[in-house]
Amino acid sequence: MRILKQSANVLFSLIRIALGVSWFHEGWFKMQANFDISGLVPSVLANTDSPDWYKAFMENVVAPNTGLFNILIPWGELLVGLGLITGILTLPALIAGIFMGINYWLADMIYIYPLQLATGFVLVLAIHQANYFSLTNAYKVWQKKRQTMAGDNP
């Protein structure tokens, strides 16, 4: 049973790191390519697959604020990637990644995003295993060890 548990810890931690690398790569690519969402807005508005309420969001919120979204999207992807790679704030990073994945899906941007979205949902369900090999968990172990050692020395 211990081998199965440890195998799950390794597997889900590796999946978390791979997902983080994927998000980081997407964000880095957008940064290098000087990402500009203004070209995507008309595509979403003309798309028959995107829901009307999402088109209204794109037209009334995104279009007037393209400068903000040109910063938020690449940086969001980079930060989600870093969070998942390091295991720092893993759950918030997963939630942000899922949110971005849903938005890409609604915009009919079918590339790697559905796979990232599905993987994010799986990792949320296995958050303890996914976060086992992480800087956050390493810090918790170090703190516990430090407190134990401080308690032994009167």
N, C-alpha and C. Protein backbone atom coordinates (compact mmCIF):
# COMPACT_ATOMS: atom_id res chain seq x y z
N MET A 1 0.82 -1.19 0.00
CA MET A 1 0.00 0.00 0.00
C MET A 1 0.86 1.26 0.00
N ARG A 2 1.97 1.20 0.73
CA ARG A 2 2.88 2.35 0.79
C ARG A 2 3.49 2.64 -0.58
N ILE A 3 3.81 1.58 -1.33
CA ILE A 3 4.38 1.76 -2.66
C ILE A 3 3.35 2.42 -3.58
N LEU A 4 2.10 2.02 -3.47
CA LEU A 4 1.04 2.61 -4.29
C LEU A 4 0.87 4.09 -3.96
N LYS A 5 0.88 4.41 -2.68
CA LYS A 5 0.73 5.80 -2.25
C LYS A 5 1.90 6.65 -2.74
N GLN A 6 3.10 6.14 -2.58
CA GLN A 6 4.29 6.87 -3.02
C GLN A 6 4.31 7.02 -4.54
N SER A 7 3.87 5.99 -5.25
CA SER A 7 3.79 6.06 -6.71
C SER A 7 2.81 7.14 -7.14
N ALA A 8 1.68 7.25 -6.45
CA ALA A 8 0.70 8.30 -6.76
C ALA A 8 1.30 9.68 -6.49
N ASN A 9 2.05 9.81 -5.40
CA ASN A 9 2.70 11.09 -5.10
C ASN A 9 3.65 11.50 -6.22
N VAL A 10 4.45 10.54 -6.67
CA VAL A 10 5.42 10.82 -7.75
C VAL A 10 4.68 11.13 -9.04
N LEU A 11 3.72 10.30 -9.41
CA LEU A 11 2.99 10.46 -10.66
C LEU A 11 2.29 11.82 -10.74
N PHE A 12 1.51 12.15 -9.72
CA PHE A 12 0.75 13.40 -9.77
C PHE A 12 1.65 14.62 -9.63
N SER A 13 2.75 14.48 -8.90
CA SER A 13 3.72 15.59 -8.84
C SER A 13 4.35 15.82 -10.20
N LEU A 14 4.69 14.75 -10.90
CA LEU A 14 5.27 14.88 -12.25
C LEU A 14 4.25 15.47 -13.23
N ILE A 15 3.01 15.06 -13.11
CA ILE A 15 1.95 15.62 -13.97
C ILE A 15 1.80 17.11 -13.68
N ARG A 16 1.83 17.49 -12.40
CA ARG A 16 1.73 18.91 -12.02
C ARG A 16 2.88 19.71 -12.63
N ILE A 17 4.08 19.18 -12.55
CA ILE A 17 5.25 19.88 -13.10
C ILE A 17 5.14 19.98 -14.62
N ALA A 18 4.71 18.91 -15.28
CA ALA A 18 4.56 18.93 -16.74
C ALA A 18 3.50 19.96 -17.15
N LEU A 19 2.41 20.01 -16.42
CA LEU A 19 1.38 21.01 -16.72
C LEU A 19 1.94 22.41 -16.51
N GLY A 20 2.73 22.60 -15.47
CA GLY A 20 3.37 23.89 -15.22
C GLY A 20 4.30 24.29 -16.35
N VAL A 21 5.08 23.35 -16.84
CA VAL A 21 5.98 23.63 -17.96
C VAL A 21 5.17 24.03 -19.18
N SER A 22 4.05 23.36 -19.40
CA SER A 22 3.18 23.67 -20.53
C SER A 22 2.64 25.10 -20.43
N TRP A 23 2.11 25.47 -19.26
CA TRP A 23 1.59 26.82 -19.08
C TRP A 23 2.71 27.85 -19.20
N PHE A 24 3.86 27.56 -18.60
CA PHE A 24 4.98 28.50 -18.66
C PHE A 24 5.42 28.70 -20.11
N HIS A 25 5.48 27.62 -20.86
CA HIS A 25 5.87 27.70 -22.27
C HIS A 25 4.90 28.58 -23.06
N GLU A 26 3.61 28.40 -22.83
CA GLU A 26 2.61 29.21 -23.53
C GLU A 26 2.77 30.69 -23.18
N GLY A 27 2.97 30.99 -21.91
CA GLY A 27 3.15 32.38 -21.49
C GLY A 27 4.43 32.98 -22.04
N TRP A 28 5.51 32.20 -22.01
CA TRP A 28 6.79 32.69 -22.52
C TRP A 28 6.69 32.96 -24.03
N PHE A 29 6.03 32.06 -24.75
CA PHE A 29 5.83 32.25 -26.18
C PHE A 29 5.06 33.54 -26.45
N LYS A 30 3.99 33.77 -25.68
CA LYS A 30 3.19 34.98 -25.88
C LYS A 30 4.01 36.23 -25.56
N MET A 31 4.86 36.15 -24.54
CA MET A 31 5.72 37.29 -24.20
C MET A 31 6.69 37.58 -25.34
N GLN A 32 7.32 36.55 -25.86
CA GLN A 32 8.30 36.72 -26.93
C GLN A 32 7.65 37.20 -28.23
N ALA A 33 6.40 36.81 -28.46
CA ALA A 33 5.70 37.15 -29.69
C ALA A 33 4.94 38.47 -29.57
N ASN A 34 5.12 39.18 -28.44
CA ASN A 34 4.38 40.44 -28.21
C ASN A 34 2.88 40.23 -28.39
N PHE A 35 2.34 39.33 -27.60
CA PHE A 35 0.93 38.95 -27.65
C PHE A 35 0.03 40.17 -27.74
N ASP A 36 -0.96 40.10 -28.62
CA ASP A 36 -1.95 41.16 -28.77
C ASP A 36 -3.32 40.52 -28.98
N ILE A 37 -4.20 40.71 -28.02
CA ILE A 37 -5.52 40.07 -28.07
C ILE A 37 -6.48 40.79 -29.02
N SER A 38 -6.12 41.97 -29.47
CA SER A 38 -7.04 42.72 -30.32
C SER A 38 -7.40 41.98 -31.61
N GLY A 39 -6.52 41.12 -32.10
CA GLY A 39 -6.84 40.33 -33.29
C GLY A 39 -7.79 39.18 -33.01
N LEU A 40 -7.85 38.75 -31.74
CA LEU A 40 -8.71 37.63 -31.37
C LEU A 40 -10.16 38.07 -31.18
N VAL A 41 -10.36 39.29 -30.73
CA VAL A 41 -11.72 39.76 -30.42
C VAL A 41 -12.64 39.64 -31.63
N PRO A 42 -12.28 40.15 -32.82
CA PRO A 42 -13.19 39.99 -33.96
C PRO A 42 -13.43 38.53 -34.34
N SER A 43 -12.43 37.68 -34.14
CA SER A 43 -12.60 36.25 -34.44
C SER A 43 -13.64 35.62 -33.54
N VAL A 44 -13.59 35.96 -32.25
CA VAL A 44 -14.56 35.41 -31.30
C VAL A 44 -15.96 35.96 -31.62
N LEU A 45 -16.04 37.23 -31.94
CA LEU A 45 -17.35 37.83 -32.24
C LEU A 45 -17.99 37.21 -33.48
N ALA A 46 -17.18 36.80 -34.45
CA ALA A 46 -17.69 36.19 -35.68
C ALA A 46 -17.88 34.68 -35.55
N ASN A 47 -17.40 34.10 -34.48
CA ASN A 47 -17.43 32.66 -34.29
C ASN A 47 -18.83 32.19 -33.91
N THR A 48 -19.33 31.20 -34.58
CA THR A 48 -20.66 30.67 -34.26
C THR A 48 -20.63 29.69 -33.09
N ASP A 49 -19.45 29.22 -32.71
CA ASP A 49 -19.34 28.26 -31.61
C ASP A 49 -19.27 28.92 -30.24
N SER A 50 -18.87 30.19 -30.17
CA SER A 50 -18.77 30.88 -28.89
C SER A 50 -20.15 31.34 -28.44
N PRO A 51 -20.46 31.18 -27.15
CA PRO A 51 -21.78 31.61 -26.65
C PRO A 51 -21.95 33.13 -26.75
N ASP A 52 -23.18 33.57 -26.89
CA ASP A 52 -23.47 35.00 -27.03
C ASP A 52 -23.00 35.81 -25.82
N TRP A 53 -23.19 35.25 -24.62
CA TRP A 53 -22.77 36.00 -23.44
C TRP A 53 -21.25 36.18 -23.41
N TYR A 54 -20.49 35.20 -23.96
CA TYR A 54 -19.04 35.34 -24.00
C TYR A 54 -18.63 36.36 -25.06
N LYS A 55 -19.37 36.38 -26.16
CA LYS A 55 -19.12 37.40 -27.19
C LYS A 55 -19.35 38.80 -26.62
N ALA A 56 -20.41 38.94 -25.80
CA ALA A 56 -20.69 40.24 -25.17
C ALA A 56 -19.54 40.62 -24.23
N PHE A 57 -19.02 39.66 -23.49
CA PHE A 57 -17.87 39.91 -22.62
C PHE A 57 -16.67 40.38 -23.44
N MET A 58 -16.39 39.68 -24.52
CA MET A 58 -15.25 40.04 -25.37
C MET A 58 -15.44 41.45 -25.95
N GLU A 59 -16.66 41.76 -26.38
CA GLU A 59 -16.93 43.05 -27.03
C GLU A 59 -16.92 44.21 -26.03
N ASN A 60 -17.51 43.98 -24.84
CA ASN A 60 -17.71 45.08 -23.89
C ASN A 60 -16.64 45.19 -22.81
N VAL A 61 -15.91 44.12 -22.55
CA VAL A 61 -14.89 44.16 -21.50
C VAL A 61 -13.48 44.03 -22.09
N VAL A 62 -13.27 43.04 -22.91
CA VAL A 62 -11.93 42.79 -23.43
C VAL A 62 -11.54 43.83 -24.48
N ALA A 63 -12.41 44.08 -25.47
CA ALA A 63 -12.07 44.99 -26.57
C ALA A 63 -11.66 46.38 -26.08
N PRO A 64 -12.38 46.99 -25.12
CA PRO A 64 -11.96 48.31 -24.66
C PRO A 64 -10.71 48.28 -23.77
N ASN A 65 -10.32 47.12 -23.31
CA ASN A 65 -9.19 46.99 -22.38
C ASN A 65 -8.11 46.06 -22.91
N THR A 66 -7.86 46.10 -24.20
CA THR A 66 -6.88 45.17 -24.78
C THR A 66 -5.50 45.33 -24.17
N GLY A 67 -5.11 46.56 -23.84
CA GLY A 67 -3.80 46.77 -23.22
C GLY A 67 -3.64 46.00 -21.93
N LEU A 68 -4.68 46.01 -21.10
CA LEU A 68 -4.66 45.27 -19.84
C LEU A 68 -4.60 43.77 -20.09
N PHE A 69 -5.42 43.27 -21.00
CA PHE A 69 -5.44 41.84 -21.28
C PHE A 69 -4.17 41.37 -21.98
N ASN A 70 -3.52 42.25 -22.72
CA ASN A 70 -2.24 41.90 -23.35
C ASN A 70 -1.15 41.66 -22.30
N ILE A 71 -1.33 42.22 -21.12
CA ILE A 71 -0.40 42.00 -20.01
C ILE A 71 -0.87 40.82 -19.15
N LEU A 72 -2.17 40.81 -18.82
CA LEU A 72 -2.71 39.79 -17.92
C LEU A 72 -2.55 38.37 -18.45
N ILE A 73 -2.79 38.15 -19.72
CA ILE A 73 -2.80 36.79 -20.26
C ILE A 73 -1.42 36.15 -20.25
N PRO A 74 -0.39 36.78 -20.85
CA PRO A 74 0.93 36.13 -20.80
C PRO A 74 1.48 36.00 -19.39
N TRP A 75 1.31 37.06 -18.58
CA TRP A 75 1.81 36.98 -17.20
C TRP A 75 1.03 35.96 -16.38
N GLY A 76 -0.26 35.86 -16.62
CA GLY A 76 -1.06 34.85 -15.93
C GLY A 76 -0.57 33.45 -16.25
N GLU A 77 -0.29 33.20 -17.53
CA GLU A 77 0.21 31.88 -17.93
C GLU A 77 1.59 31.60 -17.33
N LEU A 78 2.46 32.61 -17.33
CA LEU A 78 3.79 32.44 -16.74
C LEU A 78 3.69 32.13 -15.25
N LEU A 79 2.86 32.88 -14.54
CA LEU A 79 2.74 32.68 -13.09
C LEU A 79 2.08 31.36 -12.73
N VAL A 80 1.08 30.97 -13.51
CA VAL A 80 0.47 29.65 -13.29
C VAL A 80 1.53 28.58 -13.50
N GLY A 81 2.31 28.71 -14.56
CA GLY A 81 3.37 27.75 -14.84
C GLY A 81 4.39 27.68 -13.71
N LEU A 82 4.85 28.83 -13.23
CA LEU A 82 5.82 28.86 -12.13
C LEU A 82 5.25 28.25 -10.85
N GLY A 83 3.99 28.58 -10.57
CA GLY A 83 3.34 28.02 -9.38
C GLY A 83 3.26 26.50 -9.44
N LEU A 84 2.93 25.97 -10.61
CA LEU A 84 2.81 24.52 -10.75
C LEU A 84 4.17 23.84 -10.78
N ILE A 85 5.14 24.45 -11.41
CA ILE A 85 6.48 23.85 -11.48
C ILE A 85 7.09 23.75 -10.09
N THR A 86 6.98 24.83 -9.33
CA THR A 86 7.60 24.87 -8.00
C THR A 86 6.72 24.25 -6.92
N GLY A 87 5.43 24.22 -7.15
CA GLY A 87 4.52 23.72 -6.12
C GLY A 87 4.22 24.78 -5.08
N ILE A 88 4.40 26.04 -5.44
CA ILE A 88 4.04 27.15 -4.55
C ILE A 88 2.67 27.65 -4.96
N LEU A 89 1.76 27.69 -3.99
CA LEU A 89 0.37 28.08 -4.26
C LEU A 89 -0.23 27.22 -5.38
N THR A 90 -0.08 25.93 -5.24
CA THR A 90 -0.52 25.00 -6.28
C THR A 90 -2.02 25.10 -6.56
N LEU A 91 -2.84 25.10 -5.53
CA LEU A 91 -4.29 25.14 -5.76
C LEU A 91 -4.72 26.45 -6.43
N PRO A 92 -4.26 27.62 -5.97
CA PRO A 92 -4.62 28.84 -6.70
C PRO A 92 -4.11 28.83 -8.15
N ALA A 93 -2.93 28.26 -8.37
CA ALA A 93 -2.40 28.18 -9.74
C ALA A 93 -3.28 27.27 -10.59
N LEU A 94 -3.72 26.15 -10.03
CA LEU A 94 -4.61 25.25 -10.78
C LEU A 94 -5.94 25.92 -11.09
N ILE A 95 -6.49 26.63 -10.12
CA ILE A 95 -7.77 27.32 -10.34
C ILE A 95 -7.62 28.39 -11.42
N ALA A 96 -6.53 29.15 -11.38
CA ALA A 96 -6.28 30.16 -12.41
C ALA A 96 -6.10 29.50 -13.78
N GLY A 97 -5.39 28.39 -13.82
CA GLY A 97 -5.21 27.67 -15.08
C GLY A 97 -6.52 27.14 -15.62
N ILE A 98 -7.37 26.62 -14.75
CA ILE A 98 -8.68 26.14 -15.17
C ILE A 98 -9.52 27.30 -15.70
N PHE A 99 -9.47 28.43 -15.02
CA PHE A 99 -10.20 29.62 -15.47
C PHE A 99 -9.73 30.05 -16.86
N MET A 100 -8.42 30.08 -17.07
CA MET A 100 -7.90 30.46 -18.39
C MET A 100 -8.29 29.42 -19.43
N GLY A 101 -8.22 28.15 -19.07
CA GLY A 101 -8.60 27.08 -20.01
C GLY A 101 -10.05 27.18 -20.44
N ILE A 102 -10.92 27.50 -19.50
CA ILE A 102 -12.35 27.67 -19.82
C ILE A 102 -12.52 28.84 -20.78
N ASN A 103 -11.81 29.93 -20.53
CA ASN A 103 -11.91 31.09 -21.42
C ASN A 103 -11.40 30.77 -22.82
N TYR A 104 -10.31 30.03 -22.90
CA TYR A 104 -9.80 29.64 -24.23
C TYR A 104 -10.80 28.74 -24.94
N TRP A 105 -11.40 27.86 -24.20
CA TRP A 105 -12.39 26.96 -24.79
C TRP A 105 -13.60 27.76 -25.30
N LEU A 106 -14.07 28.70 -24.48
CA LEU A 106 -15.20 29.53 -24.90
C LEU A 106 -14.86 30.38 -26.12
N ALA A 107 -13.59 30.75 -26.26
CA ALA A 107 -13.16 31.52 -27.43
C ALA A 107 -12.89 30.61 -28.62
N ASP A 108 -13.14 29.33 -28.44
CA ASP A 108 -12.93 28.31 -29.49
C ASP A 108 -11.47 28.20 -29.89
N MET A 109 -10.60 28.37 -28.91
CA MET A 109 -9.15 28.25 -29.13
C MET A 109 -8.77 26.81 -28.77
N ILE A 110 -8.94 25.93 -29.71
CA ILE A 110 -8.67 24.51 -29.47
C ILE A 110 -7.24 24.23 -29.94
N TYR A 111 -6.36 24.13 -28.97
CA TYR A 111 -4.96 23.82 -29.22
C TYR A 111 -4.58 22.83 -28.13
N ILE A 112 -3.79 23.24 -27.19
CA ILE A 112 -3.43 22.38 -26.07
C ILE A 112 -4.34 22.66 -24.87
N TYR A 113 -5.15 23.70 -24.96
CA TYR A 113 -5.92 24.16 -23.81
C TYR A 113 -6.92 23.15 -23.25
N PRO A 114 -7.65 22.38 -24.06
CA PRO A 114 -8.54 21.37 -23.46
C PRO A 114 -7.78 20.32 -22.65
N LEU A 115 -6.60 19.93 -23.11
CA LEU A 115 -5.79 18.98 -22.36
C LEU A 115 -5.31 19.60 -21.06
N GLN A 116 -4.90 20.86 -21.10
CA GLN A 116 -4.49 21.55 -19.88
C GLN A 116 -5.67 21.66 -18.91
N LEU A 117 -6.84 21.95 -19.44
CA LEU A 117 -8.04 22.08 -18.62
C LEU A 117 -8.38 20.76 -17.93
N ALA A 118 -8.40 19.68 -18.68
CA ALA A 118 -8.71 18.36 -18.11
C ALA A 118 -7.66 17.95 -17.07
N THR A 119 -6.40 18.19 -17.38
CA THR A 119 -5.33 17.85 -16.44
C THR A 119 -5.45 18.67 -15.16
N GLY A 120 -5.81 19.93 -15.31
CA GLY A 120 -6.01 20.78 -14.13
C GLY A 120 -7.10 20.25 -13.23
N PHE A 121 -8.21 19.81 -13.81
CA PHE A 121 -9.30 19.23 -13.01
C PHE A 121 -8.84 17.97 -12.28
N VAL A 122 -8.11 17.12 -12.96
CA VAL A 122 -7.60 15.89 -12.32
C VAL A 122 -6.68 16.23 -11.16
N LEU A 123 -5.81 17.22 -11.35
CA LEU A 123 -4.88 17.59 -10.29
C LEU A 123 -5.58 18.22 -9.09
N VAL A 124 -6.67 18.94 -9.34
CA VAL A 124 -7.45 19.47 -8.21
C VAL A 124 -8.00 18.32 -7.38
N LEU A 125 -8.45 17.27 -8.05
CA LEU A 125 -8.98 16.10 -7.34
C LEU A 125 -7.90 15.35 -6.57
N ALA A 126 -6.67 15.42 -7.07
CA ALA A 126 -5.55 14.73 -6.41
C ALA A 126 -4.54 15.75 -5.87
N ILE A 127 -5.05 16.83 -5.28
CA ILE A 127 -4.20 17.94 -4.87
C ILE A 127 -3.14 17.53 -3.85
N HIS A 128 -3.46 16.65 -2.93
CA HIS A 128 -2.47 16.25 -1.91
C HIS A 128 -1.32 15.47 -2.53
N GLN A 129 -1.63 14.58 -3.45
CA GLN A 129 -0.58 13.83 -4.13
C GLN A 129 0.21 14.75 -5.07
N ALA A 130 -0.48 15.64 -5.76
CA ALA A 130 0.18 16.54 -6.71
C ALA A 130 1.10 17.52 -6.00
N ASN A 131 0.80 17.84 -4.77
CA ASN A 131 1.58 18.82 -4.02
C ASN A 131 2.62 18.16 -3.11
N TYR A 132 2.73 16.84 -3.17
CA TYR A 132 3.64 16.13 -2.26
C TYR A 132 5.10 16.53 -2.48
N PHE A 133 5.56 16.50 -3.72
CA PHE A 133 6.92 16.93 -4.04
C PHE A 133 6.84 18.38 -4.54
N SER A 134 6.89 19.31 -3.59
CA SER A 134 6.76 20.72 -3.92
C SER A 134 7.58 21.54 -2.92
N LEU A 135 7.85 22.77 -3.27
CA LEU A 135 8.56 23.64 -2.34
C LEU A 135 7.72 23.95 -1.11
N THR A 136 6.41 24.04 -1.30
CA THR A 136 5.53 24.29 -0.16
C THR A 136 5.59 23.14 0.83
N ASN A 137 5.51 21.92 0.34
CA ASN A 137 5.59 20.76 1.22
C ASN A 137 6.98 20.64 1.86
N ALA A 138 8.02 20.93 1.08
CA ALA A 138 9.38 20.89 1.62
C ALA A 138 9.53 21.91 2.75
N TYR A 139 8.94 23.07 2.58
CA TYR A 139 8.99 24.09 3.64
C TYR A 139 8.25 23.63 4.88
N LYS A 140 7.09 23.01 4.70
CA LYS A 140 6.32 22.49 5.85
C LYS A 140 7.11 21.42 6.60
N VAL A 141 7.75 20.53 5.87
CA VAL A 141 8.57 19.48 6.50
C VAL A 141 9.73 20.11 7.26
N TRP A 142 10.38 21.10 6.65
CA TRP A 142 11.51 21.79 7.29
C TRP A 142 11.05 22.49 8.56
N GLN A 143 9.89 23.17 8.51
CA GLN A 143 9.36 23.85 9.69
C GLN A 143 9.05 22.85 10.81
N LYS A 144 8.46 21.74 10.46
CA LYS A 144 8.11 20.72 11.44
C LYS A 144 9.37 20.16 12.09
N LYS A 145 10.38 19.89 11.26
CA LYS A 145 11.66 19.38 11.75
C LYS A 145 12.33 20.41 12.67
N ARG A 146 12.27 21.65 12.27
CA ARG A 146 12.87 22.74 13.06
C ARG A 146 12.16 22.88 14.40
N GLN A 147 10.83 22.78 14.40
CA GLN A 147 10.08 22.88 15.65
C GLN A 147 10.37 21.70 16.56
N THR A 148 10.51 20.51 15.96
CA THR A 148 10.83 19.31 16.74
C THR A 148 12.19 19.47 17.38
N MET A 149 13.16 19.94 16.62
CA MET A 149 14.51 20.12 17.15
C MET A 149 14.54 21.19 18.23
N ALA A 150 13.78 22.26 18.08
CA ALA A 150 13.72 23.31 19.08
C ALA A 150 13.04 22.82 20.36
N GLY A 151 12.08 21.91 20.21
CA GLY A 151 11.40 21.35 21.37
C GLY A 151 12.27 20.39 22.14
N ASP A 152 13.25 19.74 21.48
CA ASP A 152 14.14 18.79 22.14
C ASP A 152 15.22 19.48 22.94
N ASN A 153 15.56 20.73 22.60
CA ASN A 153 16.62 21.46 23.30
C ASN A 153 15.99 22.43 24.28
N PRO A 154 16.02 22.09 25.59
CA PRO A 154 15.38 22.98 26.58
C PRO A 154 16.18 24.22 26.85
